């Protein structure tokens, strides 16, 4: 049986996941510009930067936490992506989206719980 994960540890993993989603945001912003223009290249570089920071951050996380807990919490990227889609890009969040995220959260809680 693994060790119980703390709120601080979950917050650290979520910080890495949020950085990961920033890479996707940058790519979406790049797609709004013509190929190889300065704004396109800027957002492309920004995405590579965020993904590089995430890779370093993630390596440190998987060294310090049970792999099953780290990857289960990585699934929160779906929540963060949905939030950014609504807040930054004004996209509509449907009830199906919300139900899907709730199911994912329930699965994460089961994985993170002490009782199996």
PDB file of N, CA and C in Angstrom:
ATOM      1  N   UNK A   1       0.843  -1.173   0.000  1.00  0.00           N
ATOM      2  CA  UNK A   1       0.000   0.000   0.000  1.00  0.00           C
ATOM      3  C   UNK A   1       0.897   1.249   0.000  1.00  0.00           C
ATOM      4  N   UNK A   2       0.586   2.245  -0.850  1.00  0.00           N
ATOM      5  CA  UNK A   2       1.389   3.447  -0.955  1.00  0.00           C
ATOM      6  C   UNK A   2       1.111   4.433   0.164  1.00  0.00           C
ATOM      7  N   UNK A   3       1.949   5.458   0.199  1.00  0.00           N
ATOM      8  CA  UNK A   3       1.767   6.512   1.191  1.00  0.00           C
ATOM      9  C   UNK A   3       0.632   7.439   0.773  1.00  0.00           C
ATOM     10  N   UNK A   4      -0.029   8.021   1.765  1.00  0.00           N
ATOM     11  CA  UNK A   4      -1.104   8.976   1.503  1.00  0.00           C
ATOM     12  C   UNK A   4      -0.487  10.257   0.940  1.00  0.00           C
ATOM     13  N   UNK A   5      -1.147  10.822  -0.047  1.00  0.00           N
ATOM     14  CA  UNK A   5      -0.650  12.042  -0.686  1.00  0.00           C
ATOM     15  C   UNK A   5      -1.269  13.253   0.007  1.00  0.00           C
ATOM     16  N   UNK A   6      -0.464  14.280   0.229  1.00  0.00           N
ATOM     17  CA  UNK A   6      -0.937  15.480   0.918  1.00  0.00           C
ATOM     18  C   UNK A   6      -1.469  16.513  -0.083  1.00  0.00           C
ATOM     19  N   UNK A   7      -2.166  17.480   0.452  1.00  0.00           N
ATOM     20  CA  UNK A   7      -2.676  18.588  -0.379  1.00  0.00           C
ATOM     21  C   UNK A   7      -1.509  19.337  -1.025  1.00  0.00           C
ATOM     22  N   UNK A   8      -0.436  19.520  -0.290  1.00  0.00           N
ATOM     23  CA  UNK A   8       0.744  20.213  -0.827  1.00  0.00           C
ATOM     24  C   UNK A   8       1.330  19.444  -2.015  1.00  0.00           C
ATOM     25  N   UNK A   9       1.362  18.122  -1.908  1.00  0.00           N
ATOM     26  CA  UNK A   9       1.888  17.311  -3.002  1.00  0.00           C
ATOM     27  C   UNK A   9       0.970  17.381  -4.219  1.00  0.00           C
ATOM     28  N   UNK A  10      -0.336  17.338  -3.977  1.00  0.00           N
ATOM     29  CA  UNK A  10      -1.288  17.452  -5.087  1.00  0.00           C
ATOM     30  C   UNK A  10      -1.136  18.815  -5.757  1.00  0.00           C
ATOM     31  N   UNK A  11      -0.960  19.868  -4.958  1.00  0.00           N
ATOM     32  CA  UNK A  11      -0.781  21.221  -5.512  1.00  0.00           C
ATOM     33  C   UNK A  11       0.473  21.293  -6.385  1.00  0.00           C
ATOM     34  N   UNK A  12       1.536  20.640  -5.964  1.00  0.00           N
ATOM     35  CA  UNK A  12       2.770  20.625  -6.744  1.00  0.00           C
ATOM     36  C   UNK A  12       2.567  19.919  -8.084  1.00  0.00           C
ATOM     37  N   UNK A  13       1.879  18.778  -8.042  1.00  0.00           N
ATOM     38  CA  UNK A  13       1.593  18.058  -9.282  1.00  0.00           C
ATOM     39  C   UNK A  13       0.697  18.906 -10.184  1.00  0.00           C
ATOM     40  N   UNK A  14      -0.299  19.562  -9.588  1.00  0.00           N
ATOM     41  CA  UNK A  14      -1.204  20.398 -10.379  1.00  0.00           C
ATOM     42  C   UNK A  14      -0.479  21.588 -10.997  1.00  0.00           C
ATOM     43  N   UNK A  15       0.495  22.132 -10.304  1.00  0.00           N
ATOM     44  CA  UNK A  15       1.286  23.230 -10.874  1.00  0.00           C
ATOM     45  C   UNK A  15       1.982  22.759 -12.151  1.00  0.00           C
ATOM     46  N   UNK A  16       2.524  21.553 -12.120  1.00  0.00           N
ATOM     47  CA  UNK A  16       3.168  21.001 -13.317  1.00  0.00           C
ATOM     48  C   UNK A  16       2.148  20.789 -14.431  1.00  0.00           C
ATOM     49  N   UNK A  17       0.987  20.285 -14.080  1.00  0.00           N
ATOM     50  CA  UNK A  17      -0.058  20.035 -15.075  1.00  0.00           C
ATOM     51  C   UNK A  17      -0.530  21.353 -15.695  1.00  0.00           C
ATOM     52  N   UNK A  18      -0.639  22.389 -14.887  1.00  0.00           N
ATOM     53  CA  UNK A  18      -1.043  23.695 -15.408  1.00  0.00           C
ATOM     54  C   UNK A  18       0.005  24.219 -16.393  1.00  0.00           C
ATOM     55  N   UNK A  19       1.275  24.069 -16.067  1.00  0.00           N
ATOM     56  CA  UNK A  19       2.338  24.478 -16.993  1.00  0.00           C
ATOM     57  C   UNK A  19       2.196  23.708 -18.312  1.00  0.00           C
ATOM     58  N   UNK A  20       1.893  22.420 -18.214  1.00  0.00           N
ATOM     59  CA  UNK A  20       1.686  21.593 -19.406  1.00  0.00           C
ATOM     60  C   UNK A  20       0.552  22.148 -20.268  1.00  0.00           C
ATOM     61  N   UNK A  21      -0.555  22.534 -19.632  1.00  0.00           N
ATOM     62  CA  UNK A  21      -1.688  23.054 -20.401  1.00  0.00           C
ATOM     63  C   UNK A  21      -1.372  24.408 -21.034  1.00  0.00           C
ATOM     64  N   UNK A  22      -0.463  25.169 -20.435  1.00  0.00           N
ATOM     65  CA  UNK A  22      -0.042  26.435 -21.052  1.00  0.00           C
ATOM     66  C   UNK A  22       0.621  26.182 -22.405  1.00  0.00           C
ATOM     67  N   UNK A  23       1.292  25.045 -22.543  1.00  0.00           N
ATOM     68  CA  UNK A  23       1.874  24.681 -23.836  1.00  0.00           C
ATOM     69  C   UNK A  23       0.795  24.523 -24.899  1.00  0.00           C
ATOM     70  N   UNK A  24      -0.321  23.914 -24.521  1.00  0.00           N
ATOM     71  CA  UNK A  24      -1.440  23.751 -25.459  1.00  0.00           C
ATOM     72  C   UNK A  24      -2.088  25.084 -25.798  1.00  0.00           C
ATOM     73  N   UNK A  25      -2.213  25.946 -24.791  1.00  0.00           N
ATOM     74  CA  UNK A  25      -2.778  27.279 -25.038  1.00  0.00           C
ATOM     75  C   UNK A  25      -1.913  28.024 -26.055  1.00  0.00           C
ATOM     76  N   UNK A  26      -0.609  27.955 -25.877  1.00  0.00           N
ATOM     77  CA  UNK A  26       0.307  28.633 -26.802  1.00  0.00           C
ATOM     78  C   UNK A  26       0.158  28.108 -28.223  1.00  0.00           C
ATOM     79  N   UNK A  27      -0.018  26.799 -28.369  1.00  0.00           N
ATOM     80  CA  UNK A  27      -0.195  26.231 -29.707  1.00  0.00           C
ATOM     81  C   UNK A  27      -1.505  26.684 -30.335  1.00  0.00           C
ATOM     82  N   UNK A  28      -2.549  26.766 -29.532  1.00  0.00           N
ATOM     83  CA  UNK A  28      -3.830  27.252 -30.066  1.00  0.00           C
ATOM     84  C   UNK A  28      -3.696  28.713 -30.507  1.00  0.00           C
ATOM     85  N   UNK A  29      -2.987  29.502 -29.720  1.00  0.00           N
ATOM     86  CA  UNK A  29      -2.761  30.900 -30.101  1.00  0.00           C
ATOM     87  C   UNK A  29      -1.911  30.983 -31.370  1.00  0.00           C
ATOM     88  N   UNK A  30      -0.945  30.098 -31.523  1.00  0.00           N
ATOM     89  CA  UNK A  30      -0.123  30.074 -32.738  1.00  0.00           C
ATOM     90  C   UNK A  30      -0.974  29.753 -33.961  1.00  0.00           C
ATOM     91  N   UNK A  31      -1.961  28.884 -33.781  1.00  0.00           N
ATOM     92  CA  UNK A  31      -2.800  28.487 -34.915  1.00  0.00           C
ATOM     93  C   UNK A  31      -3.665  29.626 -35.444  1.00  0.00           C
ATOM     94  N   UNK A  32      -3.782  30.698 -34.684  1.00  0.00           N
ATOM     95  CA  UNK A  32      -4.552  31.869 -35.126  1.00  0.00           C
ATOM     96  C   UNK A  32      -3.761  32.783 -36.057  1.00  0.00           C
ATOM     97  N   UNK A  33      -2.494  32.439 -36.312  1.00  0.00           N
ATOM     98  CA  UNK A  33      -1.632  33.289 -37.143  1.00  0.00           C
ATOM     99  C   UNK A  33      -1.133  32.506 -38.349  1.00  0.00           C
ATOM    100  N   UNK A  34      -0.758  33.233 -39.380  1.00  0.00           N
ATOM    101  CA  UNK A  34      -0.225  32.600 -40.578  1.00  0.00           C
ATOM    102  C   UNK A  34       1.081  31.891 -40.259  1.00  0.00           C
ATOM    103  N   UNK A  35       1.312  30.792 -40.950  1.00  0.00           N
ATOM    104  CA  UNK A  35       2.494  29.958 -40.763  1.00  0.00           C
ATOM    105  C   UNK A  35       3.774  30.765 -40.980  1.00  0.00           C
ATOM    106  N   UNK A  36       4.689  30.626 -40.053  1.00  0.00           N
ATOM    107  CA  UNK A  36       6.031  31.221 -40.072  1.00  0.00           C
ATOM    108  C   UNK A  36       6.052  32.749 -39.951  1.00  0.00           C
ATOM    109  N   UNK A  37       4.957  33.361 -39.530  1.00  0.00           N
ATOM    110  CA  UNK A  37       4.976  34.793 -39.240  1.00  0.00           C
ATOM    111  C   UNK A  37       5.561  34.976 -37.838  1.00  0.00           C
ATOM    112  N   UNK A  38       5.908  36.194 -37.496  1.00  0.00           N
ATOM    113  CA  UNK A  38       6.503  36.466 -36.189  1.00  0.00           C
ATOM    114  C   UNK A  38       5.575  36.056 -35.035  1.00  0.00           C
ATOM    115  N   UNK A  39       4.276  36.397 -35.056  1.00  0.00           N
ATOM    116  CA  UNK A  39       3.404  35.950 -33.963  1.00  0.00           C
ATOM    117  C   UNK A  39       3.309  34.422 -33.880  1.00  0.00           C
ATOM    118  N   UNK A  40       3.243  33.749 -35.038  1.00  0.00           N
ATOM    119  CA  UNK A  40       3.201  32.289 -35.055  1.00  0.00           C
ATOM    120  C   UNK A  40       4.449  31.712 -34.390  1.00  0.00           C
ATOM    121  N   UNK A  41       5.612  32.214 -34.777  1.00  0.00           N
ATOM    122  CA  UNK A  41       6.867  31.717 -34.215  1.00  0.00           C
ATOM    123  C   UNK A  41       6.982  32.023 -32.723  1.00  0.00           C
ATOM    124  N   UNK A  42       6.489  33.191 -32.317  1.00  0.00           N
ATOM    125  CA  UNK A  42       6.517  33.550 -30.897  1.00  0.00           C
ATOM    126  C   UNK A  42       5.718  32.535 -30.072  1.00  0.00           C
ATOM    127  N   UNK A  43       4.480  32.254 -30.492  1.00  0.00           N
ATOM    128  CA  UNK A  43       3.645  31.318 -29.736  1.00  0.00           C
ATOM    129  C   UNK A  43       4.172  29.887 -29.833  1.00  0.00           C
ATOM    130  N   UNK A  44       4.767  29.536 -30.958  1.00  0.00           N
ATOM    131  CA  UNK A  44       5.388  28.221 -31.096  1.00  0.00           C
ATOM    132  C   UNK A  44       6.556  28.091 -30.117  1.00  0.00           C
ATOM    133  N   UNK A  45       7.406  29.115 -30.054  1.00  0.00           N
ATOM    134  CA  UNK A  45       8.514  29.110 -29.102  1.00  0.00           C
ATOM    135  C   UNK A  45       7.988  29.050 -27.672  1.00  0.00           C
ATOM    136  N   UNK A  46       6.946  29.811 -27.383  1.00  0.00           N
ATOM    137  CA  UNK A  46       6.366  29.821 -26.045  1.00  0.00           C
ATOM    138  C   UNK A  46       5.871  28.421 -25.656  1.00  0.00           C
ATOM    139  N   UNK A  47       5.280  27.725 -26.599  1.00  0.00           N
ATOM    140  CA  UNK A  47       4.814  26.368 -26.339  1.00  0.00           C
ATOM    141  C   UNK A  47       5.988  25.441 -26.028  1.00  0.00           C
ATOM    142  N   UNK A  48       7.034  25.531 -26.810  1.00  0.00           N
ATOM    143  CA  UNK A  48       8.234  24.706 -26.561  1.00  0.00           C
ATOM    144  C   UNK A  48       8.817  25.047 -25.196  1.00  0.00           C
ATOM    145  N   UNK A  49       8.832  26.317 -24.841  1.00  0.00           N
ATOM    146  CA  UNK A  49       9.327  26.734 -23.530  1.00  0.00           C
ATOM    147  C   UNK A  49       8.508  26.096 -22.411  1.00  0.00           C
ATOM    148  N   UNK A  50       7.174  26.221 -22.488  1.00  0.00           N
ATOM    149  CA  UNK A  50       6.317  25.644 -21.444  1.00  0.00           C
ATOM    150  C   UNK A  50       6.481  24.130 -21.356  1.00  0.00           C
ATOM    151  N   UNK A  51       6.572  23.477 -22.497  1.00  0.00           N
ATOM    152  CA  UNK A  51       6.730  22.023 -22.475  1.00  0.00           C
ATOM    153  C   UNK A  51       8.099  21.621 -21.928  1.00  0.00           C
ATOM    154  N   UNK A  52       9.115  22.425 -22.171  1.00  0.00           N
ATOM    155  CA  UNK A  52      10.435  22.162 -21.594  1.00  0.00           C
ATOM    156  C   UNK A  52      10.426  22.317 -20.077  1.00  0.00           C
ATOM    157  N   UNK A  53       9.802  23.392 -19.599  1.00  0.00           N
ATOM    158  CA  UNK A  53       9.679  23.597 -18.153  1.00  0.00           C
ATOM    159  C   UNK A  53       8.887  22.453 -17.536  1.00  0.00           C
ATOM    160  N   UNK A  54       7.803  22.059 -18.207  1.00  0.00           N
ATOM    161  CA  UNK A  54       6.985  20.946 -17.719  1.00  0.00           C
ATOM    162  C   UNK A  54       7.811  19.657 -17.645  1.00  0.00           C
ATOM    163  N   UNK A  55       8.610  19.375 -18.653  1.00  0.00           N
ATOM    164  CA  UNK A  55       9.404  18.138 -18.673  1.00  0.00           C
ATOM    165  C   UNK A  55      10.359  18.078 -17.478  1.00  0.00           C
ATOM    166  N   UNK A  56      11.003  19.190 -17.194  1.00  0.00           N
ATOM    167  CA  UNK A  56      11.916  19.234 -16.045  1.00  0.00           C
ATOM    168  C   UNK A  56      11.132  19.074 -14.745  1.00  0.00           C
ATOM    169  N   UNK A  57      10.049  19.804 -14.632  1.00  0.00           N
ATOM    170  CA  UNK A  57       9.178  19.751 -13.456  1.00  0.00           C
ATOM    171  C   UNK A  57       8.658  18.323 -13.249  1.00  0.00           C
ATOM    172  N   UNK A  58       8.190  17.687 -14.335  1.00  0.00           N
ATOM    173  CA  UNK A  58       7.605  16.351 -14.241  1.00  0.00           C
ATOM    174  C   UNK A  58       8.645  15.312 -13.822  1.00  0.00           C
ATOM    175  N   UNK A  59       9.861  15.450 -14.308  1.00  0.00           N
ATOM    176  CA  UNK A  59      10.922  14.515 -13.902  1.00  0.00           C
ATOM    177  C   UNK A  59      11.139  14.567 -12.394  1.00  0.00           C
ATOM    178  N   UNK A  60      11.090  15.753 -11.832  1.00  0.00           N
ATOM    179  CA  UNK A  60      11.252  15.889 -10.382  1.00  0.00           C
ATOM    180  C   UNK A  60      10.065  15.284  -9.630  1.00  0.00           C
ATOM    181  N   UNK A  61       8.884  15.433 -10.186  1.00  0.00           N
ATOM    182  CA  UNK A  61       7.689  14.888  -9.541  1.00  0.00           C
ATOM    183  C   UNK A  61       7.732  13.364  -9.527  1.00  0.00           C
ATOM    184  N   UNK A  62       8.057  12.752 -10.652  1.00  0.00           N
ATOM    185  CA  UNK A  62       8.020  11.292 -10.682  1.00  0.00           C
ATOM    186  C   UNK A  62       9.162  10.676  -9.881  1.00  0.00           C
ATOM    187  N   UNK A  63      10.191  11.463  -9.565  1.00  0.00           N
ATOM    188  CA  UNK A  63      11.234  10.971  -8.658  1.00  0.00           C
ATOM    189  C   UNK A  63      10.749  10.955  -7.216  1.00  0.00           C
ATOM    190  N   UNK A  64       9.829  11.847  -6.871  1.00  0.00           N
ATOM    191  CA  UNK A  64       9.426  12.039  -5.478  1.00  0.00           C
ATOM    192  C   UNK A  64       8.089  11.400  -5.093  1.00  0.00           C
ATOM    193  N   UNK A  65       7.260  11.055  -6.063  1.00  0.00           N
ATOM    194  CA  UNK A  65       5.923  10.541  -5.773  1.00  0.00           C
ATOM    195  C   UNK A  65       5.727   9.177  -6.406  1.00  0.00           C
ATOM    196  N   UNK A  66       4.776   8.424  -5.854  1.00  0.00           N
ATOM    197  CA  UNK A  66       4.387   7.166  -6.481  1.00  0.00           C
ATOM    198  C   UNK A  66       3.909   7.475  -7.886  1.00  0.00           C
ATOM    199  N   UNK A  67       4.362   6.689  -8.828  1.00  0.00           N
ATOM    200  CA  UNK A  67       4.023   6.928 -10.226  1.00  0.00           C
ATOM    201  C   UNK A  67       2.515   6.873 -10.474  1.00  0.00           C
ATOM    202  N   UNK A  68       1.832   5.951  -9.817  1.00  0.00           N
ATOM    203  CA  UNK A  68       0.382   5.834 -10.018  1.00  0.00           C
ATOM    204  C   UNK A  68      -0.342   7.095  -9.547  1.00  0.00           C
ATOM    205  N   UNK A  69       0.118   7.694  -8.457  1.00  0.00           N
ATOM    206  CA  UNK A  69      -0.503   8.928  -7.964  1.00  0.00           C
ATOM    207  C   UNK A  69      -0.200  10.108  -8.883  1.00  0.00           C
ATOM    208  N   UNK A  70       1.027  10.194  -9.334  1.00  0.00           N
ATOM    209  CA  UNK A  70       1.406  11.306 -10.211  1.00  0.00           C
ATOM    210  C   UNK A  70       0.601  11.260 -11.507  1.00  0.00           C
ATOM    211  N   UNK A  71       0.517  10.095 -12.124  1.00  0.00           N
ATOM    212  CA  UNK A  71      -0.208   9.998 -13.387  1.00  0.00           C
ATOM    213  C   UNK A  71      -1.711  10.135 -13.206  1.00  0.00           C
ATOM    214  N   UNK A  72      -2.247   9.657 -12.105  1.00  0.00           N
ATOM    215  CA  UNK A  72      -3.677   9.846 -11.860  1.00  0.00           C
ATOM    216  C   UNK A  72      -4.002  11.327 -11.749  1.00  0.00           C
ATOM    217  N   UNK A  73      -3.154  12.083 -11.070  1.00  0.00           N
ATOM    218  CA  UNK A  73      -3.396  13.519 -10.918  1.00  0.00           C
ATOM    219  C   UNK A  73      -3.106  14.290 -12.199  1.00  0.00           C
ATOM    220  N   UNK A  74      -2.334  13.724 -13.095  1.00  0.00           N
ATOM    221  CA  UNK A  74      -2.061  14.356 -14.375  1.00  0.00           C
ATOM    222  C   UNK A  74      -3.337  14.450 -15.215  1.00  0.00           C
ATOM    223  N   UNK A  75      -4.285  13.579 -14.925  1.00  0.00           N
ATOM    224  CA  UNK A  75      -5.554  13.597 -15.657  1.00  0.00           C
ATOM    225  C   UNK A  75      -6.319  14.898 -15.438  1.00  0.00           C
ATOM    226  N   UNK A  76      -5.942  15.663 -14.437  1.00  0.00           N
ATOM    227  CA  UNK A  76      -6.570  16.966 -14.213  1.00  0.00           C
ATOM    228  C   UNK A  76      -6.323  17.917 -15.389  1.00  0.00           C
ATOM    229  N   UNK A  77      -5.411  17.583 -16.272  1.00  0.00           N
ATOM    230  CA  UNK A  77      -5.156  18.421 -17.450  1.00  0.00           C
ATOM    231  C   UNK A  77      -6.443  18.633 -18.244  1.00  0.00           C
ATOM    232  N   UNK A  78      -7.322  17.648 -18.218  1.00  0.00           N
ATOM    233  CA  UNK A  78      -8.601  17.790 -18.924  1.00  0.00           C
ATOM    234  C   UNK A  78      -9.422  18.913 -18.303  1.00  0.00           C
ATOM    235  N   UNK A  79      -9.448  18.958 -16.967  1.00  0.00           N
ATOM    236  CA  UNK A  79     -10.167  20.034 -16.281  1.00  0.00           C
ATOM    237  C   UNK A  79      -9.556  21.391 -16.626  1.00  0.00           C
ATOM    238  N   UNK A  80      -8.230  21.504 -16.479  1.00  0.00           N
ATOM    239  CA  UNK A  80      -7.569  22.787 -16.741  1.00  0.00           C
ATOM    240  C   UNK A  80      -7.779  23.218 -18.188  1.00  0.00           C
ATOM    241  N   UNK A  81      -7.684  22.275 -19.127  1.00  0.00           N
ATOM    242  CA  UNK A  81      -7.889  22.613 -20.539  1.00  0.00           C
ATOM    243  C   UNK A  81      -9.305  23.116 -20.789  1.00  0.00           C
ATOM    244  N   UNK A  82     -10.281  22.466 -20.147  1.00  0.00           N
ATOM    245  CA  UNK A  82     -11.670  22.909 -20.297  1.00  0.00           C
ATOM    246  C   UNK A  82     -11.842  24.313 -19.704  1.00  0.00           C
ATOM    247  N   UNK A  83     -11.228  24.557 -18.547  1.00  0.00           N
ATOM    248  CA  UNK A  83     -11.310  25.875 -17.922  1.00  0.00           C
ATOM    249  C   UNK A  83     -10.681  26.940 -18.811  1.00  0.00           C
ATOM    250  N   UNK A  84      -9.493  26.674 -19.338  1.00  0.00           N
ATOM    251  CA  UNK A  84      -8.824  27.653 -20.209  1.00  0.00           C
ATOM    252  C   UNK A  84      -9.633  27.880 -21.484  1.00  0.00           C
ATOM    253  N   UNK A  85     -10.225  26.826 -22.024  1.00  0.00           N
ATOM    254  CA  UNK A  85     -11.033  26.971 -23.242  1.00  0.00           C
ATOM    255  C   UNK A  85     -12.186  27.942 -23.006  1.00  0.00           C
ATOM    256  N   UNK A  86     -12.807  27.834 -21.838  1.00  0.00           N
ATOM    257  CA  UNK A  86     -13.934  28.715 -21.520  1.00  0.00           C
ATOM    258  C   UNK A  86     -13.473  30.124 -21.184  1.00  0.00           C
ATOM    259  N   UNK A  87     -12.461  30.244 -20.335  1.00  0.00           N
ATOM    260  CA  UNK A  87     -12.037  31.552 -19.838  1.00  0.00           C
ATOM    261  C   UNK A  87     -11.240  32.336 -20.884  1.00  0.00           C
ATOM    262  N   UNK A  88     -10.289  31.696 -21.523  1.00  0.00           N
ATOM    263  CA  UNK A  88      -9.392  32.415 -22.446  1.00  0.00           C
ATOM    264  C   UNK A  88      -9.994  32.526 -23.845  1.00  0.00           C
ATOM    265  N   UNK A  89     -10.599  31.423 -24.318  1.00  0.00           N
ATOM    266  CA  UNK A  89     -11.054  31.395 -25.703  1.00  0.00           C
ATOM    267  C   UNK A  89     -12.564  31.545 -25.859  1.00  0.00           C
ATOM    268  N   UNK A  90     -13.278  31.643 -24.739  1.00  0.00           N
ATOM    269  CA  UNK A  90     -14.720  31.837 -24.795  1.00  0.00           C
ATOM    270  C   UNK A  90     -15.499  30.656 -25.355  1.00  0.00           C
ATOM    271  N   UNK A  91     -14.915  29.475 -25.283  1.00  0.00           N
ATOM    272  CA  UNK A  91     -15.598  28.294 -25.787  1.00  0.00           C
ATOM    273  C   UNK A  91     -16.669  27.839 -24.799  1.00  0.00           C
ATOM    274  N   UNK A  92     -17.674  27.179 -25.308  1.00  0.00           N
ATOM    275  CA  UNK A  92     -18.798  26.722 -24.501  1.00  0.00           C
ATOM    276  C   UNK A  92     -18.459  25.411 -23.807  1.00  0.00           C
ATOM    277  N   UNK A  93     -18.801  25.322 -22.532  1.00  0.00           N
ATOM    278  CA  UNK A  93     -18.642  24.089 -21.763  1.00  0.00           C
ATOM    279  C   UNK A  93     -20.021  23.444 -21.657  1.00  0.00           C
ATOM    280  N   UNK A  94     -20.112  22.197 -22.113  1.00  0.00           N
ATOM    281  CA  UNK A  94     -21.403  21.503 -22.111  1.00  0.00           C
ATOM    282  C   UNK A  94     -21.551  20.651 -20.855  1.00  0.00           C
ATOM    283  N   UNK A  95     -22.758  20.203 -20.627  1.00  0.00           N
ATOM    284  CA  UNK A  95     -23.027  19.325 -19.489  1.00  0.00           C
ATOM    285  C   UNK A  95     -22.258  18.014 -19.640  1.00  0.00           C
ATOM    286  N   UNK A  96     -22.094  17.537 -20.879  1.00  0.00           N
ATOM    287  CA  UNK A  96     -21.303  16.320 -21.117  1.00  0.00           C
ATOM    288  C   UNK A  96     -19.849  16.534 -20.702  1.00  0.00           C
ATOM    289  N   UNK A  97     -19.311  17.719 -20.979  1.00  0.00           N
ATOM    290  CA  UNK A  97     -17.938  18.042 -20.550  1.00  0.00           C
ATOM    291  C   UNK A  97     -17.824  17.969 -19.036  1.00  0.00           C
ATOM    292  N   UNK A  98     -18.793  18.564 -18.365  1.00  0.00           N
ATOM    293  CA  UNK A  98     -18.772  18.605 -16.895  1.00  0.00           C
ATOM    294  C   UNK A  98     -18.905  17.202 -16.316  1.00  0.00           C
ATOM    295  N   UNK A  99     -19.815  16.394 -16.870  1.00  0.00           N
ATOM    296  CA  UNK A  99     -19.985  15.022 -16.390  1.00  0.00           C
ATOM    297  C   UNK A  99     -18.689  14.230 -16.584  1.00  0.00           C
ATOM    298  N   UNK A 100     -18.048  14.417 -17.717  1.00  0.00           N
ATOM    299  CA  UNK A 100     -16.779  13.732 -17.972  1.00  0.00           C
ATOM    300  C   UNK A 100     -15.714  14.100 -16.957  1.00  0.00           C
ATOM    301  N   UNK A 101     -15.607  15.376 -16.638  1.00  0.00           N
ATOM    302  CA  UNK A 101     -14.617  15.821 -15.654  1.00  0.00           C
ATOM    303  C   UNK A 101     -14.947  15.271 -14.267  1.00  0.00           C
ATOM    304  N   UNK A 102     -16.224  15.236 -13.915  1.00  0.00           N
ATOM    305  CA  UNK A 102     -16.627  14.682 -12.614  1.00  0.00           C
ATOM    306  C   UNK A 102     -16.240  13.200 -12.525  1.00  0.00           C
ATOM    307  N   UNK A 103     -16.444  12.463 -13.596  1.00  0.00           N
ATOM    308  CA  UNK A 103     -16.057  11.046 -13.610  1.00  0.00           C
ATOM    309  C   UNK A 103     -14.546  10.901 -13.441  1.00  0.00           C
ATOM    310  N   UNK A 104     -13.792  11.749 -14.107  1.00  0.00           N
ATOM    311  CA  UNK A 104     -12.331  11.716 -13.972  1.00  0.00           C
ATOM    312  C   UNK A 104     -11.923  12.047 -12.542  1.00  0.00           C
ATOM    313  N   UNK A 105     -12.538  13.073 -11.955  1.00  0.00           N
ATOM    314  CA  UNK A 105     -12.239  13.429 -10.557  1.00  0.00           C
ATOM    315  C   UNK A 105     -12.536  12.269  -9.618  1.00  0.00           C
ATOM    316  N   UNK A 106     -13.656  11.590  -9.849  1.00  0.00           N
ATOM    317  CA  UNK A 106     -14.014  10.441  -8.996  1.00  0.00           C
ATOM    318  C   UNK A 106     -12.937   9.358  -9.102  1.00  0.00           C
ATOM    319  N   UNK A 107     -12.473   9.105 -10.292  1.00  0.00           N
ATOM    320  CA  UNK A 107     -11.407   8.118 -10.473  1.00  0.00           C
ATOM    321  C   UNK A 107     -10.118   8.521  -9.781  1.00  0.00           C
ATOM    322  N   UNK A 108      -9.779   9.798  -9.841  1.00  0.00           N
ATOM    323  CA  UNK A 108      -8.573  10.290  -9.175  1.00  0.00           C
ATOM    324  C   UNK A 108      -8.699  10.141  -7.663  1.00  0.00           C
ATOM    325  N   UNK A 109      -9.882  10.418  -7.142  1.00  0.00           N
ATOM    326  CA  UNK A 109     -10.091  10.276  -5.692  1.00  0.00           C
ATOM    327  C   UNK A 109      -9.949   8.823  -5.268  1.00  0.00           C
ATOM    328  N   UNK A 110     -10.431   7.898  -6.084  1.00  0.00           N
ATOM    329  CA  UNK A 110     -10.294   6.476  -5.759  1.00  0.00           C
ATOM    330  C   UNK A 110      -8.822   6.081  -5.748  1.00  0.00           C
ATOM    331  N   UNK A 111      -8.064   6.531  -6.741  1.00  0.00           N
ATOM    332  CA  UNK A 111      -6.642   6.194  -6.802  1.00  0.00           C
ATOM    333  C   UNK A 111      -5.890   6.817  -5.634  1.00  0.00           C
ATOM    334  N   UNK A 112      -6.254   8.027  -5.250  1.00  0.00           N
ATOM    335  CA  UNK A 112      -5.546   8.731  -4.183  1.00  0.00           C
ATOM    336  C   UNK A 112      -5.966   8.288  -2.783  1.00  0.00           C
ATOM    337  N   UNK A 113      -7.051   7.533  -2.668  1.00  0.00           N
ATOM    338  CA  UNK A 113      -7.514   7.128  -1.336  1.00  0.00           C
ATOM    339  C   UNK A 113      -6.650   5.992  -0.803  1.00  0.00           C
ATOM    340  N   UNK A 114      -6.645   5.846   0.516  1.00  0.00           N
ATOM    341  CA  UNK A 114      -5.875   4.791   1.165  1.00  0.00           C
ATOM    342  C   UNK A 114      -6.539   3.431   1.034  1.00  0.00           C
ATOM    343  N   UNK A 115      -7.841   3.431   0.941  1.00  0.00           N
ATOM    344  CA  UNK A 115      -8.571   2.174   0.939  1.00  0.00           C
ATOM    345  C   UNK A 115      -8.774   1.694  -0.487  1.00  0.00           C
ATOM    346  N   UNK A 116      -8.407   0.433  -0.738  1.00  0.00           N
ATOM    347  CA  UNK A 116      -8.544  -0.136  -2.078  1.00  0.00           C
ATOM    348  C   UNK A 116      -9.604  -1.179  -2.086  1.00  0.00           C
TER     349      UNK A 116
END
